[in-house]
Amino acid sequence: MKKLVATTFALVIAAGVAVGVADELKSGLPLGDKVPAFNVKDVTGPNKGTSLCYRCQYGARPVVTIFTRTMDDNVAKLVKEVDGLVGKNGEKQMKAFVVVLTDSPDEQEKKLTEVASKNEIKNVPLTVFDGPAGPPNYKIAKDAEVTVMMWNKSEVKANQAFAKGKFDKKAVESVVADTAKILN
């Protein structure tokens, strides 16, 4: 009887672990991968109005890249927090940029300009990528509303992904805490 109870208990725990793993959203490059080049259109940064590769421009520096399909209040809060961190970590040459994944890049430009102005974003360019799937080599999941990847020396050090409606205040705090992984 004890063996039956122990076996049943073990199966219940294993099923719970399997469900937890299945529920975890995977989006973007895995830890340790090298980050490939891709172009975006700069909307608010120093290269406003031009198409360029910020990944290339930032080279081996510590970088936070926020891929998002919407620019809601929580994403704007994250951008503002990261903007402050970039400003405070100039000696470490920290950089960041936001990539809005959209079928309508022209429609997003006005909104991004307003977000940058309202939140006084000075250090983080807001950009658009033409296509909701994002750069093909980056493997952004179609179910991910927000994917944040951080790299240093062109190697992914942190990656968090959030499904629609899951990017909240706690998610912002978690992503901000992960910046320590690239500032060593």
N, C-alpha and C. Protein backbone atom coordinates (compact mmCIF):
# COMPACT_ATOMS: atom_id res chain seq x y z
N MET A 1 0.82 -1.19 0.00
CA MET A 1 0.00 0.00 0.00
C MET A 1 0.87 1.26 0.00
N LYS A 2 1.97 1.21 0.81
CA LYS A 2 2.86 2.36 0.86
C LYS A 2 3.49 2.61 -0.51
N LYS A 3 3.85 1.52 -1.22
CA LYS A 3 4.44 1.66 -2.55
C LYS A 3 3.44 2.28 -3.52
N LEU A 4 2.18 1.89 -3.43
CA LEU A 4 1.15 2.43 -4.30
C LEU A 4 0.97 3.92 -4.05
N VAL A 5 0.91 4.32 -2.80
CA VAL A 5 0.76 5.74 -2.45
C VAL A 5 1.98 6.52 -2.93
N ALA A 6 3.18 5.99 -2.68
CA ALA A 6 4.42 6.66 -3.10
C ALA A 6 4.48 6.79 -4.62
N THR A 7 4.11 5.75 -5.33
CA THR A 7 4.13 5.78 -6.79
C THR A 7 3.10 6.78 -7.32
N THR A 8 1.92 6.78 -6.76
CA THR A 8 0.88 7.73 -7.17
C THR A 8 1.34 9.16 -6.92
N PHE A 9 1.92 9.40 -5.76
CA PHE A 9 2.41 10.73 -5.40
C PHE A 9 3.49 11.17 -6.39
N ALA A 10 4.41 10.27 -6.72
CA ALA A 10 5.49 10.58 -7.67
C ALA A 10 4.92 10.92 -9.05
N LEU A 11 3.91 10.19 -9.48
CA LEU A 11 3.29 10.47 -10.78
C LEU A 11 2.58 11.81 -10.78
N VAL A 12 1.92 12.14 -9.71
CA VAL A 12 1.23 13.44 -9.60
C VAL A 12 2.25 14.57 -9.68
N ILE A 13 3.37 14.44 -8.96
CA ILE A 13 4.41 15.47 -8.99
C ILE A 13 5.02 15.56 -10.39
N ALA A 14 5.31 14.44 -11.01
CA ALA A 14 5.88 14.45 -12.36
C ALA A 14 4.94 15.11 -13.35
N ALA A 15 3.65 14.84 -13.23
CA ALA A 15 2.67 15.46 -14.13
C ALA A 15 2.64 16.97 -13.91
N GLY A 16 2.73 17.39 -12.67
CA GLY A 16 2.74 18.82 -12.36
C GLY A 16 3.96 19.50 -12.94
N VAL A 17 5.12 18.87 -12.84
CA VAL A 17 6.34 19.43 -13.41
C VAL A 17 6.22 19.51 -14.92
N ALA A 18 5.71 18.46 -15.55
CA ALA A 18 5.56 18.45 -17.01
C ALA A 18 4.62 19.56 -17.46
N VAL A 19 3.53 19.77 -16.74
CA VAL A 19 2.60 20.85 -17.10
C VAL A 19 3.29 22.19 -16.95
N GLY A 20 4.06 22.39 -15.89
CA GLY A 20 4.77 23.65 -15.68
C GLY A 20 5.75 23.94 -16.80
N VAL A 21 6.46 22.93 -17.25
CA VAL A 21 7.42 23.10 -18.33
C VAL A 21 6.67 23.43 -19.62
N ALA A 22 5.57 22.76 -19.86
CA ALA A 22 4.80 23.01 -21.08
C ALA A 22 4.22 24.42 -21.11
N ASP A 23 3.91 24.98 -19.93
CA ASP A 23 3.31 26.31 -19.86
C ASP A 23 4.33 27.43 -20.06
N GLU A 24 5.63 27.15 -19.89
CA GLU A 24 6.65 28.18 -20.02
C GLU A 24 6.78 28.58 -21.48
N LEU A 25 6.65 29.88 -21.74
CA LEU A 25 6.73 30.40 -23.10
C LEU A 25 8.19 30.58 -23.49
N LYS A 26 8.57 29.97 -24.58
CA LYS A 26 9.93 30.10 -25.12
C LYS A 26 9.85 31.03 -26.33
N SER A 27 10.67 32.07 -26.31
CA SER A 27 10.71 33.00 -27.41
C SER A 27 12.10 33.63 -27.47
N GLY A 28 12.62 33.76 -28.65
CA GLY A 28 13.94 34.36 -28.79
C GLY A 28 15.05 33.34 -28.70
N LEU A 29 16.25 33.85 -28.73
CA LEU A 29 17.43 33.00 -28.74
C LEU A 29 17.71 32.42 -27.36
N PRO A 30 18.19 31.18 -27.30
CA PRO A 30 18.53 30.59 -26.01
C PRO A 30 19.81 31.20 -25.43
N LEU A 31 19.97 31.06 -24.12
CA LEU A 31 21.17 31.55 -23.45
C LEU A 31 22.41 30.94 -24.09
N GLY A 32 23.42 31.76 -24.26
CA GLY A 32 24.67 31.31 -24.85
C GLY A 32 24.77 31.48 -26.35
N ASP A 33 23.64 31.67 -27.04
CA ASP A 33 23.67 31.86 -28.49
C ASP A 33 24.28 33.22 -28.84
N LYS A 34 24.89 33.29 -30.00
CA LYS A 34 25.39 34.55 -30.54
C LYS A 34 24.23 35.27 -31.22
N VAL A 35 24.23 36.60 -31.13
CA VAL A 35 23.13 37.38 -31.69
C VAL A 35 23.46 37.83 -33.12
N PRO A 36 22.60 37.46 -34.08
CA PRO A 36 22.84 37.85 -35.46
C PRO A 36 22.36 39.28 -35.74
N ALA A 37 22.81 39.81 -36.85
CA ALA A 37 22.44 41.16 -37.28
C ALA A 37 21.01 41.19 -37.81
N PHE A 38 20.34 42.33 -37.64
CA PHE A 38 19.03 42.58 -38.27
C PHE A 38 18.80 44.08 -38.31
N ASN A 39 18.02 44.52 -39.30
CA ASN A 39 17.75 45.94 -39.46
C ASN A 39 16.40 46.33 -38.91
N VAL A 40 16.35 47.55 -38.39
CA VAL A 40 15.12 48.17 -37.91
C VAL A 40 15.06 49.59 -38.46
N LYS A 41 13.90 50.21 -38.35
CA LYS A 41 13.79 51.63 -38.69
C LYS A 41 13.76 52.39 -37.38
N ASP A 42 14.71 53.29 -37.21
CA ASP A 42 14.79 54.09 -35.99
C ASP A 42 13.71 55.17 -36.04
N VAL A 43 12.92 55.25 -34.97
CA VAL A 43 11.84 56.24 -34.89
C VAL A 43 12.22 57.39 -33.98
N THR A 44 12.89 57.12 -32.86
CA THR A 44 13.15 58.19 -31.88
C THR A 44 14.62 58.35 -31.51
N GLY A 45 15.48 57.49 -31.99
CA GLY A 45 16.88 57.53 -31.57
C GLY A 45 17.74 58.47 -32.39
N PRO A 46 19.05 58.35 -32.23
CA PRO A 46 19.98 59.25 -32.91
C PRO A 46 19.99 59.07 -34.43
N ASN A 47 19.45 57.97 -34.90
CA ASN A 47 19.38 57.70 -36.35
C ASN A 47 17.95 57.79 -36.87
N LYS A 48 17.17 58.62 -36.22
CA LYS A 48 15.74 58.77 -36.54
C LYS A 48 15.51 58.85 -38.05
N GLY A 49 14.56 58.01 -38.51
CA GLY A 49 14.17 58.02 -39.91
C GLY A 49 15.01 57.12 -40.81
N THR A 50 16.03 56.49 -40.26
CA THR A 50 16.87 55.64 -41.09
C THR A 50 16.74 54.17 -40.69
N SER A 51 17.09 53.31 -41.61
CA SER A 51 17.13 51.88 -41.36
C SER A 51 18.57 51.52 -41.02
N LEU A 52 18.75 50.74 -39.95
CA LEU A 52 20.09 50.37 -39.53
C LEU A 52 20.07 49.13 -38.65
N CYS A 53 21.24 48.66 -38.33
CA CYS A 53 21.39 47.50 -37.44
C CYS A 53 21.97 47.98 -36.12
N TYR A 54 21.10 48.17 -35.11
CA TYR A 54 21.61 48.55 -33.78
C TYR A 54 22.44 47.43 -33.18
N ARG A 55 22.09 46.19 -33.46
CA ARG A 55 22.89 45.07 -32.97
C ARG A 55 24.33 45.23 -33.46
N CYS A 56 24.48 45.58 -34.71
CA CYS A 56 25.82 45.79 -35.29
C CYS A 56 26.49 47.02 -34.68
N GLN A 57 25.75 48.10 -34.56
CA GLN A 57 26.29 49.35 -34.05
C GLN A 57 26.77 49.22 -32.60
N TYR A 58 26.05 48.45 -31.79
CA TYR A 58 26.40 48.32 -30.38
C TYR A 58 27.50 47.28 -30.15
N GLY A 59 27.78 46.45 -31.13
CA GLY A 59 28.88 45.51 -31.03
C GLY A 59 28.82 44.61 -29.82
N ALA A 60 29.93 44.53 -29.09
CA ALA A 60 30.07 43.60 -27.95
C ALA A 60 29.62 44.22 -26.63
N ARG A 61 29.05 45.40 -26.66
CA ARG A 61 28.60 46.06 -25.42
C ARG A 61 27.46 45.28 -24.77
N PRO A 62 27.19 45.55 -23.48
CA PRO A 62 26.00 44.97 -22.85
C PRO A 62 24.74 45.65 -23.41
N VAL A 63 23.80 44.83 -23.89
CA VAL A 63 22.62 45.37 -24.59
C VAL A 63 21.34 44.71 -24.07
N VAL A 64 20.32 45.54 -23.89
CA VAL A 64 18.95 45.08 -23.61
C VAL A 64 18.13 45.36 -24.86
N THR A 65 17.48 44.33 -25.38
CA THR A 65 16.60 44.51 -26.53
C THR A 65 15.21 44.03 -26.17
N ILE A 66 14.25 44.93 -26.32
CA ILE A 66 12.86 44.64 -25.99
C ILE A 66 12.09 44.49 -27.30
N PHE A 67 11.66 43.27 -27.60
CA PHE A 67 10.81 43.01 -28.76
C PHE A 67 9.37 43.01 -28.25
N THR A 68 8.51 43.81 -28.85
CA THR A 68 7.13 43.88 -28.39
C THR A 68 6.18 44.05 -29.57
N ARG A 69 4.98 43.56 -29.40
CA ARG A 69 3.96 43.74 -30.44
C ARG A 69 3.02 44.88 -30.08
N THR A 70 3.09 45.34 -28.83
CA THR A 70 2.28 46.49 -28.39
C THR A 70 3.12 47.37 -27.49
N MET A 71 2.82 48.65 -27.51
CA MET A 71 3.51 49.59 -26.63
C MET A 71 2.48 50.06 -25.60
N ASP A 72 2.19 49.18 -24.62
CA ASP A 72 1.23 49.54 -23.58
C ASP A 72 1.96 50.20 -22.41
N ASP A 73 1.21 50.53 -21.35
CA ASP A 73 1.78 51.23 -20.20
C ASP A 73 2.89 50.44 -19.51
N ASN A 74 2.75 49.12 -19.41
CA ASN A 74 3.78 48.32 -18.75
C ASN A 74 5.06 48.27 -19.58
N VAL A 75 4.93 48.17 -20.88
CA VAL A 75 6.13 48.18 -21.73
C VAL A 75 6.79 49.56 -21.65
N ALA A 76 5.99 50.61 -21.67
CA ALA A 76 6.54 51.97 -21.54
C ALA A 76 7.27 52.13 -20.21
N LYS A 77 6.72 51.55 -19.14
CA LYS A 77 7.37 51.61 -17.83
C LYS A 77 8.72 50.90 -17.88
N LEU A 78 8.76 49.73 -18.51
CA LEU A 78 10.02 49.01 -18.66
C LEU A 78 11.03 49.84 -19.44
N VAL A 79 10.61 50.44 -20.53
CA VAL A 79 11.51 51.24 -21.35
C VAL A 79 12.08 52.40 -20.53
N LYS A 80 11.23 53.03 -19.74
CA LYS A 80 11.68 54.14 -18.89
C LYS A 80 12.72 53.65 -17.87
N GLU A 81 12.46 52.50 -17.26
CA GLU A 81 13.41 51.93 -16.28
C GLU A 81 14.74 51.61 -16.96
N VAL A 82 14.68 50.97 -18.12
CA VAL A 82 15.90 50.61 -18.83
C VAL A 82 16.63 51.87 -19.30
N ASP A 83 15.89 52.88 -19.71
CA ASP A 83 16.49 54.14 -20.12
C ASP A 83 17.32 54.73 -18.97
N GLY A 84 16.78 54.68 -17.76
CA GLY A 84 17.52 55.16 -16.60
C GLY A 84 18.77 54.34 -16.33
N LEU A 85 18.66 53.02 -16.48
CA LEU A 85 19.82 52.15 -16.27
C LEU A 85 20.92 52.42 -17.30
N VAL A 86 20.53 52.63 -18.55
CA VAL A 86 21.51 52.93 -19.58
C VAL A 86 22.23 54.24 -19.24
N GLY A 87 21.47 55.24 -18.78
CA GLY A 87 22.06 56.51 -18.39
C GLY A 87 23.04 56.37 -17.23
N LYS A 88 22.70 55.51 -16.27
CA LYS A 88 23.55 55.32 -15.08
C LYS A 88 24.76 54.43 -15.35
N ASN A 89 24.73 53.66 -16.43
CA ASN A 89 25.80 52.70 -16.72
C ASN A 89 26.60 53.06 -17.96
N GLY A 90 26.78 54.35 -18.17
CA GLY A 90 27.57 54.82 -19.31
C GLY A 90 29.00 54.33 -19.28
N GLU A 91 29.58 54.23 -18.08
CA GLU A 91 30.97 53.76 -17.98
C GLU A 91 31.11 52.30 -18.40
N LYS A 92 30.01 51.55 -18.32
CA LYS A 92 30.03 50.14 -18.76
C LYS A 92 29.56 50.02 -20.22
N GLN A 93 29.26 51.18 -20.83
CA GLN A 93 28.81 51.26 -22.21
C GLN A 93 27.53 50.47 -22.47
N MET A 94 26.66 50.41 -21.47
CA MET A 94 25.38 49.72 -21.62
C MET A 94 24.53 50.41 -22.68
N LYS A 95 23.85 49.62 -23.49
CA LYS A 95 22.97 50.12 -24.54
C LYS A 95 21.65 49.36 -24.49
N ALA A 96 20.66 49.89 -25.18
CA ALA A 96 19.35 49.24 -25.27
C ALA A 96 18.61 49.79 -26.48
N PHE A 97 17.66 49.00 -26.97
CA PHE A 97 16.74 49.50 -27.98
C PHE A 97 15.47 48.66 -27.94
N VAL A 98 14.38 49.28 -28.40
CA VAL A 98 13.07 48.65 -28.42
C VAL A 98 12.73 48.38 -29.88
N VAL A 99 12.17 47.19 -30.13
CA VAL A 99 11.77 46.81 -31.49
C VAL A 99 10.28 46.47 -31.46
N VAL A 100 9.47 47.31 -32.07
CA VAL A 100 8.04 47.03 -32.19
C VAL A 100 7.86 46.20 -33.46
N LEU A 101 7.29 45.02 -33.29
CA LEU A 101 7.05 44.09 -34.39
C LEU A 101 5.64 44.35 -34.93
N THR A 102 5.54 44.77 -36.18
CA THR A 102 4.24 45.20 -36.68
C THR A 102 4.13 45.06 -38.20
N ASP A 103 2.88 44.88 -38.64
CA ASP A 103 2.57 44.93 -40.07
C ASP A 103 2.40 46.36 -40.56
N SER A 104 2.26 47.29 -39.60
CA SER A 104 1.99 48.70 -39.93
C SER A 104 3.02 49.61 -39.27
N PRO A 105 4.27 49.58 -39.74
CA PRO A 105 5.30 50.40 -39.09
C PRO A 105 5.00 51.89 -39.10
N ASP A 106 4.41 52.39 -40.19
CA ASP A 106 4.10 53.82 -40.26
C ASP A 106 3.11 54.25 -39.18
N GLU A 107 2.14 53.39 -38.89
CA GLU A 107 1.14 53.69 -37.86
C GLU A 107 1.77 53.72 -36.46
N GLN A 108 2.79 52.92 -36.24
CA GLN A 108 3.43 52.85 -34.92
C GLN A 108 4.34 54.05 -34.64
N GLU A 109 4.83 54.69 -35.67
CA GLU A 109 5.81 55.76 -35.49
C GLU A 109 5.28 56.90 -34.62
N LYS A 110 4.06 57.34 -34.87
CA LYS A 110 3.50 58.44 -34.08
C LYS A 110 3.38 58.03 -32.61
N LYS A 111 2.89 56.82 -32.37
CA LYS A 111 2.73 56.34 -31.01
C LYS A 111 4.08 56.26 -30.29
N LEU A 112 5.10 55.77 -30.97
CA LEU A 112 6.42 55.66 -30.36
C LEU A 112 7.00 57.04 -30.04
N THR A 113 6.79 57.99 -30.91
CA THR A 113 7.25 59.36 -30.66
C THR A 113 6.57 59.92 -29.42
N GLU A 114 5.26 59.67 -29.29
CA GLU A 114 4.52 60.14 -28.11
C GLU A 114 5.02 59.46 -26.83
N VAL A 115 5.26 58.15 -26.88
CA VAL A 115 5.75 57.41 -25.71
C VAL A 115 7.11 57.95 -25.28
N ALA A 116 8.00 58.19 -26.24
CA ALA A 116 9.34 58.70 -25.92
C ALA A 116 9.25 60.08 -25.28
N SER A 117 8.38 60.93 -25.81
CA SER A 117 8.22 62.28 -25.27
C SER A 117 7.60 62.25 -23.87
N LYS A 118 6.50 61.55 -23.73
CA LYS A 118 5.77 61.46 -22.45
C LYS A 118 6.66 60.90 -21.34
N ASN A 119 7.48 59.90 -21.64
CA ASN A 119 8.30 59.22 -20.64
C ASN A 119 9.74 59.74 -20.58
N GLU A 120 10.02 60.78 -21.38
CA GLU A 120 11.34 61.40 -21.41
C GLU A 120 12.45 60.36 -21.67
N ILE A 121 12.23 59.53 -22.67
CA ILE A 121 13.20 58.51 -23.06
C ILE A 121 14.33 59.19 -23.84
N LYS A 122 15.54 59.10 -23.31
CA LYS A 122 16.68 59.77 -23.92
C LYS A 122 17.76 58.82 -24.42
N ASN A 123 17.85 57.63 -23.81
CA ASN A 123 18.97 56.73 -24.08
C ASN A 123 18.60 55.46 -24.83
N VAL A 124 17.33 55.24 -25.07
CA VAL A 124 16.87 54.00 -25.69
C VAL A 124 16.09 54.31 -26.96
N PRO A 125 16.65 54.02 -28.13
CA PRO A 125 15.92 54.24 -29.37
C PRO A 125 14.69 53.32 -29.46
N LEU A 126 13.58 53.88 -29.89
CA LEU A 126 12.37 53.11 -30.16
C LEU A 126 12.34 52.91 -31.67
N THR A 127 12.25 51.65 -32.08
CA THR A 127 12.35 51.31 -33.50
C THR A 127 11.17 50.43 -33.91
N VAL A 128 11.02 50.25 -35.21
CA VAL A 128 10.01 49.33 -35.74
C VAL A 128 10.68 48.32 -36.66
N PHE A 129 10.12 47.11 -36.63
CA PHE A 129 10.52 46.05 -37.55
C PHE A 129 9.30 45.72 -38.38
N ASP A 130 9.45 45.74 -39.69
CA ASP A 130 8.32 45.49 -40.59
C ASP A 130 8.01 44.00 -40.63
N GLY A 131 7.02 43.60 -39.82
CA GLY A 131 6.57 42.21 -39.78
C GLY A 131 6.40 41.75 -38.34
N PRO A 132 5.25 41.22 -38.00
CA PRO A 132 4.98 40.80 -36.62
C PRO A 132 5.79 39.58 -36.17
N ALA A 133 6.38 38.84 -37.10
CA ALA A 133 7.17 37.67 -36.72
C ALA A 133 8.56 38.05 -36.21
N GLY A 134 9.01 39.25 -36.55
CA GLY A 134 10.33 39.69 -36.12
C GLY A 134 11.43 39.12 -37.00
N PRO A 135 12.67 39.43 -36.65
CA PRO A 135 13.79 38.91 -37.42
C PRO A 135 13.80 37.38 -37.39
N PRO A 136 13.82 36.72 -38.55
CA PRO A 136 13.71 35.25 -38.59
C PRO A 136 14.71 34.52 -37.71
N ASN A 137 15.95 34.96 -37.68
CA ASN A 137 16.98 34.28 -36.90
C ASN A 137 16.78 34.41 -35.39
N TYR A 138 15.88 35.28 -34.96
CA TYR A 138 15.68 35.53 -33.52
C TYR A 138 14.61 34.63 -32.90
N LYS A 139 13.86 33.93 -33.71
CA LYS A 139 12.91 32.93 -33.22
C LYS A 139 11.90 33.49 -32.21
N ILE A 140 11.32 34.66 -32.51
CA ILE A 140 10.32 35.25 -31.63
C ILE A 140 9.03 34.44 -31.77
N ALA A 141 8.54 33.91 -30.67
CA ALA A 141 7.32 33.08 -30.69
C ALA A 141 6.11 33.93 -31.06
N LYS A 142 5.22 33.34 -31.85
CA LYS A 142 4.01 34.08 -32.26
C LYS A 142 3.11 34.38 -31.06
N ASP A 143 3.21 33.58 -29.99
CA ASP A 143 2.40 33.80 -28.79
C ASP A 143 3.03 34.79 -27.81
N ALA A 144 4.23 35.26 -28.10
CA ALA A 144 4.92 36.18 -27.19
C ALA A 144 4.54 37.62 -27.52
N GLU A 145 3.93 38.28 -26.58
CA GLU A 145 3.60 39.70 -26.74
C GLU A 145 4.86 40.54 -26.51
N VAL A 146 5.67 40.12 -25.54
CA VAL A 146 6.93 40.81 -25.20
C VAL A 146 8.02 39.75 -25.02
N THR A 147 9.15 39.97 -25.67
CA THR A 147 10.34 39.13 -25.50
C THR A 147 11.50 40.07 -25.23
N VAL A 148 12.19 39.85 -24.12
CA VAL A 148 13.33 40.70 -23.77
C VAL A 148 14.58 39.82 -23.76
N MET A 149 15.52 40.20 -24.60
CA MET A 149 16.80 39.49 -24.64
C MET A 149 17.90 40.46 -24.25
N MET A 150 18.83 39.95 -23.47
CA MET A 150 19.99 40.75 -23.06
C MET A 150 21.25 39.99 -23.43
N TRP A 151 22.21 40.72 -23.95
CA TRP A 151 23.46 40.08 -24.31
C TRP A 151 24.64 40.95 -23.93
N ASN A 152 25.78 40.31 -23.84
CA ASN A 152 27.06 40.97 -23.62
C ASN A 152 28.08 40.19 -24.43
N LYS A 153 29.00 40.92 -25.06
CA LYS A 153 29.98 40.30 -25.97
C LYS A 153 29.25 39.47 -27.03
N SER A 154 28.10 39.98 -27.46
CA SER A 154 27.27 39.37 -28.51
C SER A 154 26.75 37.99 -28.17
N GLU A 155 26.67 37.65 -26.88
CA GLU A 155 26.17 36.35 -26.44
C GLU A 155 24.98 36.56 -25.50
N VAL A 156 23.89 35.85 -25.76
CA VAL A 156 22.68 35.99 -24.95
C VAL A 156 22.95 35.55 -23.51
N LYS A 157 22.66 36.45 -22.57
CA LYS A 157 22.87 36.19 -21.13
C LYS A 157 21.55 36.08 -20.38
N ALA A 158 20.48 36.66 -20.94
CA ALA A 158 19.16 36.61 -20.30
C ALA A 158 18.09 36.68 -21.39
N ASN A 159 16.97 36.01 -21.13
CA ASN A 159 15.87 36.00 -22.09
C ASN A 159 14.59 35.71 -21.31
N GLN A 160 13.64 36.62 -21.42
CA GLN A 160 12.33 36.40 -20.81
C GLN A 160 11.26 36.69 -21.86
N ALA A 161 10.21 35.88 -21.84
CA ALA A 161 9.11 36.05 -22.79
C ALA A 161 7.79 36.05 -22.04
N PHE A 162 6.85 36.83 -22.54
CA PHE A 162 5.55 37.00 -21.88
C PHE A 162 4.43 36.94 -22.92
N ALA A 163 3.43 36.12 -22.63
CA ALA A 163 2.26 36.02 -23.50
C ALA A 163 1.38 37.26 -23.32
N LYS A 164 0.47 37.44 -24.21
CA LYS A 164 -0.45 38.57 -24.16
C LYS A 164 -1.13 38.62 -22.79
N GLY A 165 -1.12 39.79 -22.18
CA GLY A 165 -1.76 40.00 -20.88
C GLY A 165 -0.92 39.57 -19.69
N LYS A 166 0.27 39.02 -19.91
CA LYS A 166 1.12 38.53 -18.82
C LYS A 166 2.25 39.50 -18.45
N PHE A 167 2.45 40.55 -19.25
CA PHE A 167 3.52 41.50 -18.95
C PHE A 167 2.96 42.56 -18.02
N ASP A 168 3.28 42.42 -16.72
CA ASP A 168 2.73 43.31 -15.70
C ASP A 168 3.87 43.92 -14.87
N LYS A 169 3.51 44.54 -13.74
CA LYS A 169 4.49 45.21 -12.88
C LYS A 169 5.57 44.24 -12.41
N LYS A 170 5.18 43.02 -12.02
CA LYS A 170 6.16 42.02 -11.57
C LYS A 170 7.10 41.64 -12.71
N ALA A 171 6.56 41.55 -13.91
CA ALA A 171 7.39 41.22 -15.08
C ALA A 171 8.43 42.33 -15.31
N VAL A 172 8.00 43.58 -15.19
CA VAL A 172 8.93 44.71 -15.34
C VAL A 172 10.07 44.58 -14.33
N GLU A 173 9.72 44.32 -13.08
CA GLU A 173 10.73 44.18 -12.01
C GLU A 173 11.69 43.02 -12.32
N SER A 174 11.16 41.91 -12.80
CA SER A 174 11.97 40.75 -13.11
C SER A 174 12.96 41.05 -14.24
N VAL A 175 12.50 41.72 -15.27
CA VAL A 175 13.36 42.06 -16.40
C VAL A 175 14.45 43.04 -15.95
N VAL A 176 14.06 44.05 -15.19
CA VAL A 176 15.05 45.03 -14.71
C VAL A 176 16.12 44.33 -13.86
N ALA A 177 15.72 43.39 -13.02
CA ALA A 177 16.68 42.64 -12.19
C ALA A 177 17.66 41.85 -13.07
N ASP A 178 17.20 41.35 -14.21
CA ASP A 178 18.05 40.56 -15.09
C ASP A 178 19.19 41.39 -15.71
N THR A 179 19.08 42.71 -15.71
CA THR A 179 20.14 43.52 -16.30
C THR A 179 21.48 43.32 -15.60
N ALA A 180 21.44 42.86 -14.34
CA ALA A 180 22.70 42.58 -13.62
C ALA A 180 23.51 41.49 -14.33
N LYS A 181 22.84 40.64 -15.09
CA LYS A 181 23.53 39.54 -15.80
C LYS A 181 24.43 40.02 -16.94
N ILE A 182 24.20 41.24 -17.41
CA ILE A 182 25.02 41.75 -18.51
C ILE A 182 25.98 42.85 -18.08
N LEU A 183 25.88 43.27 -16.84
CA LEU A 183 26.71 44.38 -16.37
C LEU A 183 27.90 43.94 -15.54
N ASN A 184 28.40 42.75 -15.75
CA ASN A 184 29.54 42.27 -14.96
C ASN A 184 30.86 42.57 -15.61
